[in-house]
Amino acid sequence: MTCLLKMLECSFNSWKKITKNKIKEISMIDFTDIEMKIEEKEFKRDFIKNKLINIINKEIYLSEFIITNYELNDVRIALEKRLMKYFIIDLFNQAKKEDYELAYIILFFNDLLVKKQTIFQIIQSYHLRPIMNFKEYIIEFKTLFCIISLLIGKYHDDEAMINKDYVYLIKKSIPSKYYLNLNALNKFESNILSITDYHIKDNAEKFIDLYNFCLSN
């Protein structure tokens, strides 16, 4: 009887050890699988974010200099694209915005460009001071981007930052000579909205098309 009990105990201990190892192996597989899915999701998110920023840089930010007399060499263009990318990422981090809002910002820019044709005309619609050089264009574009980011946040994010917050964000992004106070920002925001008759389109279908375009290219 004693021998039988010992045999049973040994068998049970062996089974417990094997089971424990199996559970450990399964847990490791599950954990690795979860890690891979997270990494894949983050890679896809960063991939789309970079695609959207590239569209902003090429089709909106620097598009003006394809149709004007400004001449930028390839090195300068690459530098400006990189700097604008850092600006957008930093703005989104500080404003705690989701990456998907980049797509809505692009679509809103497109709606404005249907009405005003060029970024210069959009800026002139709310700012009477003329743009004298490329440096000033960059400053004005950053301000415009911030205001559109503010508008899109109000429309798509219940917890978005308010105008007062963006006064601070703009001050961090441009030289003091070009600072906006709250009244000026409110006025510029209203003037930009007036271009679209104070209406922000839902653009859900175009949003999906833009995301699919980024994924497939």
Protein backbone atom coordinates (compact mmCIF):
# COMPACT_ATOMS: atom_id res chain seq x y z
CA MET A 1 0.00 0.00 0.00
CA THR A 2 2.84 2.35 0.91
CA CYS A 3 4.59 1.56 -2.36
CA LEU A 4 1.39 2.25 -4.29
CA LEU A 5 0.95 5.60 -2.59
CA LYS A 6 4.54 6.54 -3.40
CA MET A 7 4.04 5.55 -7.02
CA LEU A 8 0.87 7.64 -7.19
CA GLU A 9 2.64 10.58 -5.56
CA CYS A 10 5.52 10.36 -8.04
CA SER A 11 3.08 10.15 -10.94
CA PHE A 12 1.15 13.15 -9.64
CA ASN A 13 4.34 15.19 -9.18
CA SER A 14 5.49 14.31 -12.69
CA TRP A 15 2.10 15.27 -14.12
CA LYS A 16 2.14 18.53 -12.16
CA LYS A 17 5.62 19.37 -13.44
CA ILE A 18 4.71 18.60 -17.06
CA THR A 19 1.45 20.56 -16.77
CA LYS A 20 3.22 23.51 -15.20
CA ASN A 21 5.78 23.56 -18.03
CA LYS A 22 3.03 23.31 -20.64
CA ILE A 23 1.12 26.19 -19.07
CA LYS A 24 4.32 28.21 -19.00
CA GLU A 25 4.96 27.45 -22.68
CA ILE A 26 1.38 28.38 -23.64
CA SER A 27 1.60 31.58 -21.60
CA MET A 28 4.86 32.52 -23.31
CA ILE A 29 3.31 31.86 -26.74
CA ASP A 30 0.24 33.94 -25.85
CA PHE A 31 2.39 36.76 -24.50
CA THR A 32 4.63 36.73 -27.59
CA ASP A 33 1.58 36.75 -29.84
CA ILE A 34 0.13 39.74 -27.98
CA GLU A 35 3.47 41.56 -28.19
CA MET A 36 3.67 40.94 -31.94
CA LYS A 37 0.12 42.23 -32.43
CA ILE A 38 0.89 45.38 -30.43
CA GLU A 39 4.09 45.98 -32.40
CA GLU A 40 2.23 45.41 -35.68
CA LYS A 41 -0.50 47.85 -34.62
CA GLU A 42 2.07 50.49 -33.59
CA PHE A 43 4.00 50.01 -36.84
CA LYS A 44 0.81 50.42 -38.89
CA ARG A 45 -0.16 53.52 -36.88
CA ASP A 46 3.28 55.13 -37.36
CA PHE A 47 3.24 54.15 -41.03
CA ILE A 48 -0.11 55.88 -41.61
CA LYS A 49 0.93 58.91 -39.53
CA ASN A 50 4.09 59.37 -41.61
CA LYS A 51 2.09 58.99 -44.83
CA LEU A 52 -0.38 61.65 -43.72
CA ILE A 53 2.41 64.04 -42.72
CA ASN A 54 4.06 63.45 -46.11
CA ILE A 55 0.79 64.40 -47.81
CA ILE A 56 0.63 67.60 -45.73
CA ASN A 57 4.23 68.44 -46.61
CA LYS A 58 4.00 67.72 -50.33
CA GLU A 59 0.42 68.54 -51.26
CA ILE A 60 -0.28 71.43 -48.89
CA TYR A 61 2.71 72.97 -47.10
CA LEU A 62 5.24 73.06 -49.94
CA SER A 63 2.81 72.89 -52.85
CA GLU A 64 2.87 76.69 -53.04
CA PHE A 65 6.46 76.66 -54.19
CA ILE A 66 5.72 74.52 -57.19
CA ILE A 67 3.33 77.14 -58.57
CA THR A 68 5.15 80.33 -57.47
CA ASN A 69 8.51 81.92 -58.23
CA TYR A 70 10.13 80.71 -55.01
CA GLU A 71 13.04 78.39 -55.71
CA LEU A 72 14.02 75.76 -53.17
CA ASN A 73 16.68 73.18 -53.88
CA ASP A 74 16.20 69.51 -52.98
CA VAL A 75 18.30 69.77 -49.80
CA ARG A 76 16.27 72.72 -48.50
CA ILE A 77 12.99 71.00 -49.37
CA ALA A 78 14.04 67.83 -47.52
CA LEU A 79 15.06 69.93 -44.49
CA GLU A 80 11.80 71.88 -44.43
CA LYS A 81 9.76 68.68 -44.68
CA ARG A 82 11.65 67.20 -41.76
CA LEU A 83 11.23 70.33 -39.62
CA MET A 84 7.51 70.52 -40.39
CA LYS A 85 7.14 66.84 -39.50
CA TYR A 86 8.77 67.48 -36.10
CA PHE A 87 6.51 70.51 -35.59
CA ILE A 88 3.34 68.50 -36.32
CA ILE A 89 4.37 65.57 -34.12
CA ASP A 90 5.31 67.92 -31.26
CA LEU A 91 2.03 69.84 -31.61
CA PHE A 92 0.00 66.63 -31.56
CA ASN A 93 1.88 65.38 -28.50
CA GLN A 94 1.36 68.62 -26.58
CA ALA A 95 -2.28 68.93 -27.62
CA LYS A 96 -2.81 65.22 -26.85
CA LYS A 97 -4.39 64.70 -30.25
CA GLU A 98 -4.97 61.36 -31.94
CA ASP A 99 -3.13 60.65 -35.20
CA TYR A 100 -6.38 60.12 -37.14
CA GLU A 101 -7.07 63.88 -36.85
CA LEU A 102 -4.27 64.45 -39.36
CA ALA A 103 -6.57 62.99 -42.02
CA TYR A 104 -9.38 65.38 -41.09
CA ILE A 105 -6.92 68.29 -41.13
CA ILE A 106 -5.89 67.35 -44.69
CA LEU A 107 -9.53 67.14 -45.78
CA PHE A 108 -10.31 70.52 -44.20
CA PHE A 109 -7.31 72.07 -45.97
CA ASN A 110 -8.65 70.62 -49.22
CA ASP A 111 -12.07 72.19 -48.57
CA LEU A 112 -10.39 75.56 -47.98
CA LEU A 113 -8.28 75.23 -51.12
CA VAL A 114 -11.38 74.60 -53.21
CA LYS A 115 -12.55 78.06 -52.12
CA LYS A 116 -9.24 79.93 -52.08
CA GLN A 117 -6.97 77.98 -54.49
CA THR A 118 -3.71 78.65 -52.61
CA ILE A 119 -2.40 78.70 -49.05
CA PHE A 120 -1.36 82.33 -49.60
CA GLN A 121 -4.97 83.29 -50.29
CA ILE A 122 -6.18 81.45 -47.19
CA ILE A 123 -3.63 83.28 -45.02
CA GLN A 124 -4.48 86.63 -46.60
CA SER A 125 -8.16 86.03 -45.85
CA TYR A 126 -7.49 86.41 -42.12
CA HIS A 127 -4.16 88.23 -42.06
CA LEU A 128 -3.69 91.59 -43.78
CA ARG A 129 0.09 91.70 -43.34
CA PRO A 130 1.78 90.47 -46.55
CA ILE A 131 4.19 87.53 -46.54
CA MET A 132 7.61 88.89 -47.48
CA ASN A 133 9.76 85.75 -47.66
CA PHE A 134 9.86 82.00 -47.19
CA LYS A 135 10.63 82.30 -43.47
CA GLU A 136 7.45 84.30 -42.92
CA TYR A 137 5.50 81.78 -44.97
CA ILE A 138 6.66 78.99 -42.64
CA ILE A 139 5.57 81.00 -39.57
CA GLU A 140 2.18 81.81 -41.08
CA PHE A 141 1.65 78.22 -42.19
CA LYS A 142 2.38 76.94 -38.67
CA THR A 143 -0.15 79.41 -37.28
CA LEU A 144 -2.71 78.35 -39.88
CA PHE A 145 -2.05 74.68 -39.13
CA CYS A 146 -2.56 75.29 -35.41
CA ILE A 147 -5.87 77.08 -36.00
CA ILE A 148 -7.14 74.28 -38.26
CA SER A 149 -5.95 71.73 -35.71
CA LEU A 150 -7.95 73.65 -33.09
CA LEU A 151 -11.09 73.63 -35.28
CA ILE A 152 -10.82 69.93 -36.12
CA GLY A 153 -10.29 69.10 -32.44
CA LYS A 154 -13.47 70.95 -31.47
CA TYR A 155 -15.43 68.99 -34.07
CA HIS A 156 -14.01 65.50 -33.50
CA ASP A 157 -12.76 65.43 -29.89
CA ASP A 158 -14.89 66.32 -26.85
CA GLU A 159 -11.75 66.71 -24.73
CA ALA A 160 -9.82 68.86 -27.21
CA MET A 161 -7.80 71.85 -26.09
CA ILE A 162 -9.49 75.25 -26.24
CA ASN A 163 -8.40 78.53 -27.85
CA LYS A 164 -6.50 79.74 -24.80
CA ASP A 165 -4.39 76.57 -24.87
CA TYR A 166 -3.53 77.09 -28.52
CA VAL A 167 -2.33 80.64 -27.85
CA TYR A 168 0.32 79.02 -25.65
CA LEU A 169 1.14 76.29 -28.21
CA ILE A 170 1.54 78.83 -31.01
CA LYS A 171 3.83 80.97 -28.83
CA LYS A 172 6.09 77.94 -28.39
CA SER A 173 6.27 77.39 -32.16
CA ILE A 174 6.94 80.82 -33.67
CA PRO A 175 9.14 83.91 -32.96
CA SER A 176 7.76 86.45 -30.50
CA LYS A 177 7.36 89.05 -33.25
CA TYR A 178 4.51 86.93 -34.69
CA TYR A 179 2.71 85.95 -31.46
CA LEU A 180 -1.09 85.93 -31.40
CA ASN A 181 -3.14 86.99 -28.42
CA LEU A 182 -6.45 85.31 -27.67
CA ASN A 183 -8.54 87.96 -29.44
CA ALA A 184 -6.47 87.69 -32.61
CA LEU A 185 -6.68 83.89 -32.59
CA ASN A 186 -10.47 84.03 -32.12
CA LYS A 187 -10.75 86.42 -35.05
CA PHE A 188 -8.52 84.31 -37.31
CA GLU A 189 -10.52 81.20 -36.38
CA SER A 190 -13.77 82.94 -37.31
CA ASN A 191 -12.32 84.21 -40.60
CA ILE A 192 -11.15 80.74 -41.58
CA LEU A 193 -14.56 79.29 -40.79
CA SER A 194 -16.18 81.99 -42.90
CA ILE A 195 -14.38 80.58 -45.96
CA THR A 196 -16.43 77.40 -45.57
CA ASP A 197 -19.59 79.30 -44.60
CA TYR A 198 -19.06 78.26 -40.96
CA HIS A 199 -19.55 74.62 -41.87
CA ILE A 200 -17.12 71.75 -41.26
CA LYS A 201 -17.96 68.77 -43.46
CA ASP A 202 -18.18 65.34 -41.91
CA ASN A 203 -16.01 63.85 -44.71
CA ALA A 204 -16.38 60.30 -43.34
CA GLU A 205 -16.17 58.64 -46.75
CA LYS A 206 -13.20 60.74 -47.83
CA PHE A 207 -11.56 59.98 -44.47
CA ILE A 208 -11.82 56.22 -45.15
CA ASP A 209 -10.56 56.67 -48.71
CA LEU A 210 -7.57 58.65 -47.46
CA TYR A 211 -6.71 56.03 -44.84
CA ASN A 212 -7.01 53.23 -47.41
CA PHE A 213 -4.80 55.21 -49.78
CA CYS A 214 -2.13 55.50 -47.08
CA LEU A 215 -2.30 51.77 -46.36
CA SER A 216 -2.05 50.75 -50.01
CA ASN A 217 0.81 53.04 -51.04
